[in-house]
Amino acid sequence: MKSLAMEERIEWLRAELRSAGSVSLSEAAEALGVSEMTVRRDLRQLEDEGVARRMRGGARHAEPVSFQHRDSARAGEKRQIAEKLLPLVPDQGLVVLDSSTTMYRLAALISSAAGLTVLTNNIQTFQVLQGRPGVTPELTGGQFDERSDSLVGPLAAGTVEQLTPDVFFASTGGIDSATCFESTVEEAALKKACARVSRRIVIGADSAKLGVRDRAASVALDDVAALCTELEPDDPRLAEHRPRVRHLI
């Protein structure tokens, strides 16, 4: 039978996963006053229950997490990635931004353009681009998925498939040595559609996503022009991705 202390730890981790979307071993160990090994064992139990999905240095919630909760997780890393991606945004043409909080941050950095249309399946990203000189924000339309705060489904995919975007900017729920993954089948299907029609695919994801497989496969790394993380391009943690991705940023 579990001790009360273990029950309390499990509930703390469960609540943290639900509210923040992820937990790190080091932060959880400090907050709970136990070793990282103990936290790892507790997370293994939550993984067995289907609540957690382990990743490098911690775990993430196994179910899709709302935009608000995702936005607060690893905010510093996401900000760095957005700043590194900004020079890749063209001044004119058409780009697609996915519904991730990382691409929301990228959108917030686009202050003006000469004639840029930004298509997104995220309402917050659409809103933050309003009133920017030379920038025309557009929504894909589609069915609103309350699990991830995304517009998805056949209407969203149909909108994308009629276009030829210059760049598709996306984050991802996880990346193994060959593929990006998403937490919902619907989001993965839309990203596949965006990848098929776009001239270039740029993935921006923090290092906690590396080596993580999620529920549904989306974009193949062989098709990705650039992978951007908060890490330096020569960081050893990117070694397994280097042979497949043309540029590491």
C-alpha atoms as a PDB file:
ATOM      1  CA  MET A   1       0.000   0.000   0.000  1.00  0.00           C
ATOM      2  CA  LYS A   2       1.270   3.486  -0.841  1.00  0.00           C
ATOM      3  CA  SER A   3       2.357   5.710   2.007  1.00  0.00           C
ATOM      4  CA  LEU A   4       0.533   8.988   2.547  1.00  0.00           C
ATOM      5  CA  ALA A   5       3.646  10.852   1.446  1.00  0.00           C
ATOM      6  CA  MET A   6       3.641   9.042  -1.883  1.00  0.00           C
ATOM      7  CA  GLU A   7      -0.084   9.704  -2.342  1.00  0.00           C
ATOM      8  CA  GLU A   8       0.548  13.396  -1.752  1.00  0.00           C
ATOM      9  CA  ARG A   9       3.406  13.438  -4.262  1.00  0.00           C
ATOM     10  CA  ILE A  10       1.311  11.694  -6.887  1.00  0.00           C
ATOM     11  CA  GLU A  11      -1.522  14.182  -6.444  1.00  0.00           C
ATOM     12  CA  TRP A  12       0.903  17.125  -6.607  1.00  0.00           C
ATOM     13  CA  LEU A  13       2.396  15.785  -9.845  1.00  0.00           C
ATOM     14  CA  ARG A  14      -1.052  15.076 -11.253  1.00  0.00           C
ATOM     15  CA  ALA A  15      -2.164  18.650 -10.536  1.00  0.00           C
ATOM     16  CA  GLU A  16       1.042  20.124 -11.948  1.00  0.00           C
ATOM     17  CA  LEU A  17       0.698  18.137 -15.166  1.00  0.00           C
ATOM     18  CA  ARG A  18      -2.907  19.243 -15.523  1.00  0.00           C
ATOM     19  CA  SER A  19      -2.193  22.939 -14.891  1.00  0.00           C
ATOM     20  CA  ALA A  20       1.194  23.459 -16.569  1.00  0.00           C
ATOM     21  CA  GLY A  21       1.148  20.645 -19.106  1.00  0.00           C
ATOM     22  CA  SER A  22       4.556  19.337 -18.058  1.00  0.00           C
ATOM     23  CA  VAL A  23       6.896  18.891 -15.086  1.00  0.00           C
ATOM     24  CA  SER A  24      10.668  18.701 -14.875  1.00  0.00           C
ATOM     25  CA  LEU A  25      12.421  16.196 -12.644  1.00  0.00           C
ATOM     26  CA  SER A  26      14.652  18.809 -11.008  1.00  0.00           C
ATOM     27  CA  GLU A  27      11.871  21.294 -10.217  1.00  0.00           C
ATOM     28  CA  ALA A  28       9.523  18.597  -8.948  1.00  0.00           C
ATOM     29  CA  ALA A  29      12.241  17.067  -6.763  1.00  0.00           C
ATOM     30  CA  GLU A  30      12.990  20.453  -5.207  1.00  0.00           C
ATOM     31  CA  ALA A  31       9.319  21.286  -4.646  1.00  0.00           C
ATOM     32  CA  LEU A  32       8.570  17.893  -3.103  1.00  0.00           C
ATOM     33  CA  GLY A  33      11.786  17.573  -1.119  1.00  0.00           C
ATOM     34  CA  VAL A  34      12.716  14.201  -2.614  1.00  0.00           C
ATOM     35  CA  SER A  35      15.270  12.860  -5.085  1.00  0.00           C
ATOM     36  CA  GLU A  36      14.839  12.936  -8.843  1.00  0.00           C
ATOM     37  CA  MET A  37      14.847   9.131  -8.772  1.00  0.00           C
ATOM     38  CA  THR A  38      11.781   9.204  -6.493  1.00  0.00           C
ATOM     39  CA  VAL A  39      10.018  11.649  -8.821  1.00  0.00           C
ATOM     40  CA  ARG A  40      10.867   9.412 -11.777  1.00  0.00           C
ATOM     41  CA  ARG A  41       9.221   6.448 -10.028  1.00  0.00           C
ATOM     42  CA  ASP A  42       6.116   8.521  -9.262  1.00  0.00           C
ATOM     43  CA  LEU A  43       5.894   9.667 -12.867  1.00  0.00           C
ATOM     44  CA  ARG A  44       6.200   6.056 -14.014  1.00  0.00           C
ATOM     45  CA  GLN A  45       3.052   5.279 -12.043  1.00  0.00           C
ATOM     46  CA  LEU A  46       1.222   8.206 -13.654  1.00  0.00           C
ATOM     47  CA  GLU A  47       2.420   6.993 -17.038  1.00  0.00           C
ATOM     48  CA  ASP A  48       0.985   3.550 -16.277  1.00  0.00           C
ATOM     49  CA  GLU A  49      -2.317   5.267 -15.454  1.00  0.00           C
ATOM     50  CA  GLY A  50      -2.252   7.069 -18.803  1.00  0.00           C
ATOM     51  CA  VAL A  51      -1.914  10.510 -17.189  1.00  0.00           C
ATOM     52  CA  ALA A  52       1.732  11.274 -18.012  1.00  0.00           C
ATOM     53  CA  ARG A  53       4.029  10.752 -20.952  1.00  0.00           C
ATOM     54  CA  ARG A  54       7.701  10.761 -20.007  1.00  0.00           C
ATOM     55  CA  MET A  55      10.136  12.989 -21.887  1.00  0.00           C
ATOM     56  CA  ARG A  56      13.747  14.012 -21.441  1.00  0.00           C
ATOM     57  CA  GLY A  57      14.166  15.560 -17.990  1.00  0.00           C
ATOM     58  CA  GLY A  58      10.575  15.070 -16.865  1.00  0.00           C
ATOM     59  CA  ALA A  59       7.106  14.332 -18.199  1.00  0.00           C
ATOM     60  CA  ARG A  60       4.211  15.970 -20.002  1.00  0.00           C
ATOM     61  CA  HIS A  61       0.477  15.526 -19.652  1.00  0.00           C
ATOM     62  CA  ALA A  62      -0.678  12.652 -21.819  1.00  0.00           C
ATOM     63  CA  GLU A  63      -3.818  14.455 -22.962  1.00  0.00           C
ATOM     64  CA  PRO A  64      -3.912  17.712 -24.976  1.00  0.00           C
ATOM     65  CA  VAL A  65      -3.456  20.788 -22.792  1.00  0.00           C
ATOM     66  CA  SER A  66      -5.221  24.121 -23.302  1.00  0.00           C
ATOM     67  CA  PHE A  67      -3.463  27.067 -24.937  1.00  0.00           C
ATOM     68  CA  GLN A  68      -3.397  28.990 -21.651  1.00  0.00           C
ATOM     69  CA  HIS A  69      -1.699  26.183 -19.770  1.00  0.00           C
ATOM     70  CA  ARG A  70       0.744  25.434 -22.590  1.00  0.00           C
ATOM     71  CA  ASP A  71       1.669  29.099 -22.828  1.00  0.00           C
ATOM     72  CA  SER A  72       3.150  29.164 -19.322  1.00  0.00           C
ATOM     73  CA  ALA A  73       5.326  26.070 -19.823  1.00  0.00           C
ATOM     74  CA  ARG A  74       8.982  26.669 -20.804  1.00  0.00           C
ATOM     75  CA  ALA A  75       8.144  30.263 -21.703  1.00  0.00           C
ATOM     76  CA  GLY A  76      11.787  31.389 -21.801  1.00  0.00           C
ATOM     77  CA  GLU A  77      12.758  28.688 -24.281  1.00  0.00           C
ATOM     78  CA  LYS A  78       9.777  29.487 -26.493  1.00  0.00           C
ATOM     79  CA  ARG A  79      10.719  33.169 -26.490  1.00  0.00           C
ATOM     80  CA  GLN A  80      14.254  32.327 -27.597  1.00  0.00           C
ATOM     81  CA  ILE A  81      12.956  30.135 -30.412  1.00  0.00           C
ATOM     82  CA  ALA A  82      10.561  32.829 -31.623  1.00  0.00           C
ATOM     83  CA  GLU A  83      13.368  35.395 -31.699  1.00  0.00           C
ATOM     84  CA  LYS A  84      15.577  33.016 -33.706  1.00  0.00           C
ATOM     85  CA  LEU A  85      12.763  32.338 -36.170  1.00  0.00           C
ATOM     86  CA  LEU A  86      11.774  35.947 -36.789  1.00  0.00           C
ATOM     87  CA  PRO A  87      14.443  36.577 -39.497  1.00  0.00           C
ATOM     88  CA  LEU A  88      12.988  33.640 -41.469  1.00  0.00           C
ATOM     89  CA  VAL A  89       9.581  35.314 -41.782  1.00  0.00           C
ATOM     90  CA  PRO A  90       9.361  36.889 -45.256  1.00  0.00           C
ATOM     91  CA  ASP A  91       8.291  40.499 -45.718  1.00  0.00           C
ATOM     92  CA  GLN A  92       5.801  39.510 -48.410  1.00  0.00           C
ATOM     93  CA  GLY A  93       3.877  36.425 -49.473  1.00  0.00           C
ATOM     94  CA  LEU A  94       1.953  33.793 -47.521  1.00  0.00           C
ATOM     95  CA  VAL A  95       3.021  31.902 -44.419  1.00  0.00           C
ATOM     96  CA  VAL A  96       1.168  29.451 -42.182  1.00  0.00           C
ATOM     97  CA  LEU A  97       1.565  29.426 -38.404  1.00  0.00           C
ATOM     98  CA  ASP A  98       0.256  26.450 -36.447  1.00  0.00           C
ATOM     99  CA  SER A  99      -1.713  26.655 -33.196  1.00  0.00           C
ATOM    100  CA  SER A 100       1.296  26.310 -30.885  1.00  0.00           C
ATOM    101  CA  THR A 101       2.195  28.837 -28.215  1.00  0.00           C
ATOM    102  CA  THR A 102       5.685  29.048 -29.737  1.00  0.00           C
ATOM    103  CA  MET A 103       4.270  30.293 -33.043  1.00  0.00           C
ATOM    104  CA  TYR A 104       1.963  32.612 -31.134  1.00  0.00           C
ATOM    105  CA  ARG A 105       5.105  34.207 -29.731  1.00  0.00           C
ATOM    106  CA  LEU A 106       6.567  34.430 -33.224  1.00  0.00           C
ATOM    107  CA  ALA A 107       3.413  36.168 -34.454  1.00  0.00           C
ATOM    108  CA  ALA A 108       3.655  38.672 -31.590  1.00  0.00           C
ATOM    109  CA  LEU A 109       7.132  39.662 -32.814  1.00  0.00           C
ATOM    110  CA  ILE A 110       5.949  40.489 -36.361  1.00  0.00           C
ATOM    111  CA  SER A 111       5.526  44.253 -35.995  1.00  0.00           C
ATOM    112  CA  SER A 112       5.036  45.070 -39.688  1.00  0.00           C
ATOM    113  CA  ALA A 113       5.585  43.791 -43.218  1.00  0.00           C
ATOM    114  CA  ALA A 114       5.369  44.927 -46.826  1.00  0.00           C
ATOM    115  CA  GLY A 115       2.493  42.613 -47.763  1.00  0.00           C
ATOM    116  CA  LEU A 116       2.443  39.443 -45.697  1.00  0.00           C
ATOM    117  CA  THR A 117      -0.571  37.150 -45.269  1.00  0.00           C
ATOM    118  CA  VAL A 118      -0.457  34.921 -42.194  1.00  0.00           C
ATOM    119  CA  LEU A 119      -2.827  31.946 -42.133  1.00  0.00           C
ATOM    120  CA  THR A 120      -3.332  30.204 -38.790  1.00  0.00           C
ATOM    121  CA  ASN A 121      -5.652  27.723 -37.109  1.00  0.00           C
ATOM    122  CA  ASN A 122      -5.262  29.460 -33.746  1.00  0.00           C
ATOM    123  CA  ILE A 123      -7.580  32.275 -32.662  1.00  0.00           C
ATOM    124  CA  GLN A 124      -5.048  33.847 -30.262  1.00  0.00           C
ATOM    125  CA  THR A 125      -2.432  34.053 -33.016  1.00  0.00           C
ATOM    126  CA  PHE A 126      -5.018  35.558 -35.375  1.00  0.00           C
ATOM    127  CA  GLN A 127      -5.903  38.173 -32.766  1.00  0.00           C
ATOM    128  CA  VAL A 128      -2.343  39.194 -31.898  1.00  0.00           C
ATOM    129  CA  LEU A 129      -1.668  40.032 -35.562  1.00  0.00           C
ATOM    130  CA  GLN A 130      -4.572  42.445 -35.858  1.00  0.00           C
ATOM    131  CA  GLY A 131      -3.589  46.004 -36.807  1.00  0.00           C
ATOM    132  CA  ARG A 132      -0.008  45.210 -37.797  1.00  0.00           C
ATOM    133  CA  PRO A 133       0.945  47.372 -40.823  1.00  0.00           C
ATOM    134  CA  GLY A 134       1.296  45.314 -43.992  1.00  0.00           C
ATOM    135  CA  VAL A 135       0.149  42.095 -42.290  1.00  0.00           C
ATOM    136  CA  THR A 136      -3.116  40.339 -43.168  1.00  0.00           C
ATOM    137  CA  PRO A 137      -4.079  37.635 -40.655  1.00  0.00           C
ATOM    138  CA  GLU A 138      -6.434  34.890 -41.844  1.00  0.00           C
ATOM    139  CA  LEU A 139      -8.089  31.976 -40.026  1.00  0.00           C
ATOM    140  CA  THR A 140      -8.362  28.546 -41.601  1.00  0.00           C
ATOM    141  CA  GLY A 141     -11.875  27.983 -40.345  1.00  0.00           C
ATOM    142  CA  GLY A 142     -12.826  24.509 -39.226  1.00  0.00           C
ATOM    143  CA  GLN A 143     -14.053  22.772 -36.101  1.00  0.00           C
ATOM    144  CA  PHE A 144     -12.900  24.167 -32.757  1.00  0.00           C
ATOM    145  CA  ASP A 145     -11.099  21.511 -30.717  1.00  0.00           C
ATOM    146  CA  GLU A 146     -11.503  22.413 -27.050  1.00  0.00           C
ATOM    147  CA  ARG A 147      -8.738  19.984 -26.081  1.00  0.00           C
ATOM    148  CA  SER A 148      -6.055  22.036 -27.828  1.00  0.00           C
ATOM    149  CA  ASP A 149      -7.746  25.372 -28.663  1.00  0.00           C
ATOM    150  CA  SER A 150      -7.153  24.653 -32.367  1.00  0.00           C
ATOM    151  CA  LEU A 151      -9.280  24.840 -35.504  1.00  0.00           C
ATOM    152  CA  VAL A 152      -9.064  21.444 -37.189  1.00  0.00           C
ATOM    153  CA  GLY A 153     -11.001  19.112 -39.469  1.00  0.00           C
ATOM    154  CA  PRO A 154     -11.846  18.889 -43.184  1.00  0.00           C
ATOM    155  CA  LEU A 155     -12.725  22.579 -43.586  1.00  0.00           C
ATOM    156  CA  ALA A 156      -9.400  23.696 -42.099  1.00  0.00           C
ATOM    157  CA  ALA A 157      -7.462  21.205 -44.236  1.00  0.00           C
ATOM    158  CA  GLY A 158      -9.471  22.155 -47.328  1.00  0.00           C
ATOM    159  CA  THR A 159      -8.575  25.822 -46.891  1.00  0.00           C
ATOM    160  CA  VAL A 160      -4.886  25.030 -46.638  1.00  0.00           C
ATOM    161  CA  GLU A 161      -4.891  22.643 -49.598  1.00  0.00           C
ATOM    162  CA  GLN A 162      -6.091  25.392 -51.956  1.00  0.00           C
ATOM    163  CA  LEU A 163      -2.973  27.466 -51.245  1.00  0.00           C
ATOM    164  CA  THR A 164       0.790  27.366 -51.788  1.00  0.00           C
ATOM    165  CA  PRO A 165       2.363  28.909 -48.678  1.00  0.00           C
ATOM    166  CA  ASP A 166       5.953  30.107 -48.840  1.00  0.00           C
ATOM    167  CA  VAL A 167       6.719  28.799 -45.349  1.00  0.00           C
ATOM    168  CA  PHE A 168       4.900  26.598 -42.848  1.00  0.00           C
ATOM    169  CA  PHE A 169       6.044  27.457 -39.316  1.00  0.00           C
ATOM    170  CA  ALA A 170       5.090  24.833 -36.738  1.00  0.00           C
ATOM    171  CA  SER A 171       5.976  23.503 -33.342  1.00  0.00           C
ATOM    172  CA  THR A 172       5.367  19.899 -32.357  1.00  0.00           C
ATOM    173  CA  GLY A 173       4.441  17.680 -29.442  1.00  0.00           C
ATOM    174  CA  GLY A 174       7.569  15.568 -29.855  1.00  0.00           C
ATOM    175  CA  ILE A 175      10.377  14.673 -32.252  1.00  0.00           C
ATOM    176  CA  ASP A 176      12.146  11.363 -32.586  1.00  0.00           C
ATOM    177  CA  SER A 177      15.023  10.710 -34.986  1.00  0.00           C
ATOM    178  CA  ALA A 178      12.783  10.864 -38.067  1.00  0.00           C
ATOM    179  CA  THR A 179       9.318  12.268 -37.330  1.00  0.00           C
ATOM    180  CA  CYS A 180       7.358  14.985 -35.551  1.00  0.00           C
ATOM    181  CA  PHE A 181       4.385  13.991 -33.389  1.00  0.00           C
ATOM    182  CA  GLU A 182       1.198  15.650 -32.146  1.00  0.00           C
ATOM    183  CA  SER A 183      -1.088  15.027 -29.188  1.00  0.00           C
ATOM    184  CA  THR A 184      -4.220  14.709 -31.364  1.00  0.00           C
ATOM    185  CA  VAL A 185      -4.875  12.893 -34.631  1.00  0.00           C
ATOM    186  CA  GLU A 186      -6.762  15.939 -35.929  1.00  0.00           C
ATOM    187  CA  GLU A 187      -3.846  18.326 -35.387  1.00  0.00           C
ATOM    188  CA  ALA A 188      -1.459  15.854 -37.011  1.00  0.00           C
ATOM    189  CA  ALA A 189      -3.722  15.573 -40.071  1.00  0.00           C
ATOM    190  CA  LEU A 190      -3.851  19.352 -40.502  1.00  0.00           C
ATOM    191  CA  LYS A 191      -0.082  19.668 -40.184  1.00  0.00           C
ATOM    192  CA  LYS A 192       0.382  16.986 -42.827  1.00  0.00           C
ATOM    193  CA  ALA A 193      -1.849  19.018 -45.148  1.00  0.00           C
ATOM    194  CA  CYS A 194       0.145  22.199 -44.458  1.00  0.00           C
ATOM    195  CA  ALA A 195       3.420  20.360 -45.061  1.00  0.00           C
ATOM    196  CA  ARG A 196       2.222  18.941 -48.405  1.00  0.00           C
ATOM    197  CA  VAL A 197       1.446  22.332 -49.941  1.00  0.00           C
ATOM    198  CA  SER A 198       4.159  24.543 -48.422  1.00  0.00           C
ATOM    199  CA  ARG A 199       7.418  25.378 -50.182  1.00  0.00           C
ATOM    200  CA  ARG A 200       9.402  25.231 -46.928  1.00  0.00           C
ATOM    201  CA  ILE A 201       8.722  23.712 -43.520  1.00  0.00           C
ATOM    202  CA  VAL A 202      10.303  25.218 -40.407  1.00  0.00           C
ATOM    203  CA  ILE A 203       9.907  23.491 -37.040  1.00  0.00           C
ATOM    204  CA  GLY A 204      10.457  25.371 -33.793  1.00  0.00           C
ATOM    205  CA  ALA A 205      10.441  23.245 -30.651  1.00  0.00           C
ATOM    206  CA  ASP A 206      12.155  23.399 -27.287  1.00  0.00           C
ATOM    207  CA  SER A 207      14.663  20.716 -26.346  1.00  0.00           C
ATOM    208  CA  ALA A 208      12.239  18.942 -23.991  1.00  0.00           C
ATOM    209  CA  LYS A 209      10.443  17.697 -27.137  1.00  0.00           C
ATOM    210  CA  LEU A 210      13.540  15.927 -28.450  1.00  0.00           C
ATOM    211  CA  GLY A 211      13.324  12.157 -28.284  1.00  0.00           C
ATOM    212  CA  VAL A 212       9.607  12.261 -27.460  1.00  0.00           C
ATOM    213  CA  ARG A 213       6.916  10.351 -29.359  1.00  0.00           C
ATOM    214  CA  ASP A 214       3.338  11.521 -28.976  1.00  0.00           C
ATOM    215  CA  ARG A 215      -0.005  10.124 -30.112  1.00  0.00           C
ATOM    216  CA  ALA A 216       0.032  10.853 -33.876  1.00  0.00           C
ATOM    217  CA  ALA A 217       2.838  11.268 -36.412  1.00  0.00           C
ATOM    218  CA  SER A 218       2.782  14.458 -38.494  1.00  0.00           C
ATOM    219  CA  VAL A 219       5.738  15.908 -40.424  1.00  0.00           C
ATOM    220  CA  ALA A 220       8.736  13.827 -41.507  1.00  0.00           C
ATOM    221  CA  LEU A 221      12.085  15.414 -40.629  1.00  0.00           C
ATOM    222  CA  ASP A 222      13.363  14.655 -44.134  1.00  0.00           C
ATOM    223  CA  ASP A 223      10.874  17.289 -45.370  1.00  0.00           C
ATOM    224  CA  VAL A 224      11.925  19.938 -42.844  1.00  0.00           C
ATOM    225  CA  ALA A 225      14.112  22.776 -44.111  1.00  0.00           C
ATOM    226  CA  ALA A 226      15.068  24.046 -40.647  1.00  0.00           C
ATOM    227  CA  LEU A 227      14.742  22.894 -37.035  1.00  0.00           C
ATOM    228  CA  CYS A 228      15.010  25.605 -34.412  1.00  0.00           C
ATOM    229  CA  THR A 229      15.454  25.004 -30.682  1.00  0.00           C
ATOM    230  CA  GLU A 230      16.806  27.124 -27.843  1.00  0.00           C
ATOM    231  CA  LEU A 231      20.035  25.113 -28.100  1.00  0.00           C
ATOM    232  CA  GLU A 232      23.130  26.012 -30.087  1.00  0.00           C
ATOM    233  CA  PRO A 233      23.187  24.175 -33.451  1.00  0.00           C
ATOM    234  CA  ASP A 234      26.257  22.145 -32.450  1.00  0.00           C
ATOM    235  CA  ASP A 235      24.713  20.947 -29.166  1.00  0.00           C
ATOM    236  CA  PRO A 236      25.203  17.156 -28.757  1.00  0.00           C
ATOM    237  CA  ARG A 237      21.502  16.750 -27.995  1.00  0.00           C
ATOM    238  CA  LEU A 238      20.776  17.541 -31.651  1.00  0.00           C
ATOM    239  CA  ALA A 239      23.159  14.908 -33.011  1.00  0.00           C
ATOM    240  CA  GLU A 240      20.516  12.381 -34.089  1.00  0.00           C
ATOM    241  CA  HIS A 241      18.560  15.082 -35.966  1.00  0.00           C
ATOM    242  CA  ARG A 242      21.546  16.553 -37.801  1.00  0.00           C
ATOM    243  CA  PRO A 243      21.636  13.984 -40.659  1.00  0.00           C
ATOM    244  CA  ARG A 244      17.965  14.549 -41.610  1.00  0.00           C
ATOM    245  CA  VAL A 245      17.388  18.296 -41.205  1.00  0.00           C
ATOM    246  CA  ARG A 246      19.011  20.652 -43.693  1.00  0.00           C
ATOM    247  CA  HIS A 247      19.544  23.474 -41.187  1.00  0.00           C
ATOM    248  CA  LEU A 248      19.713  23.574 -37.391  1.00  0.00           C
ATOM    249  CA  ILE A 249      19.086  26.995 -35.889  1.00  0.00           C
END
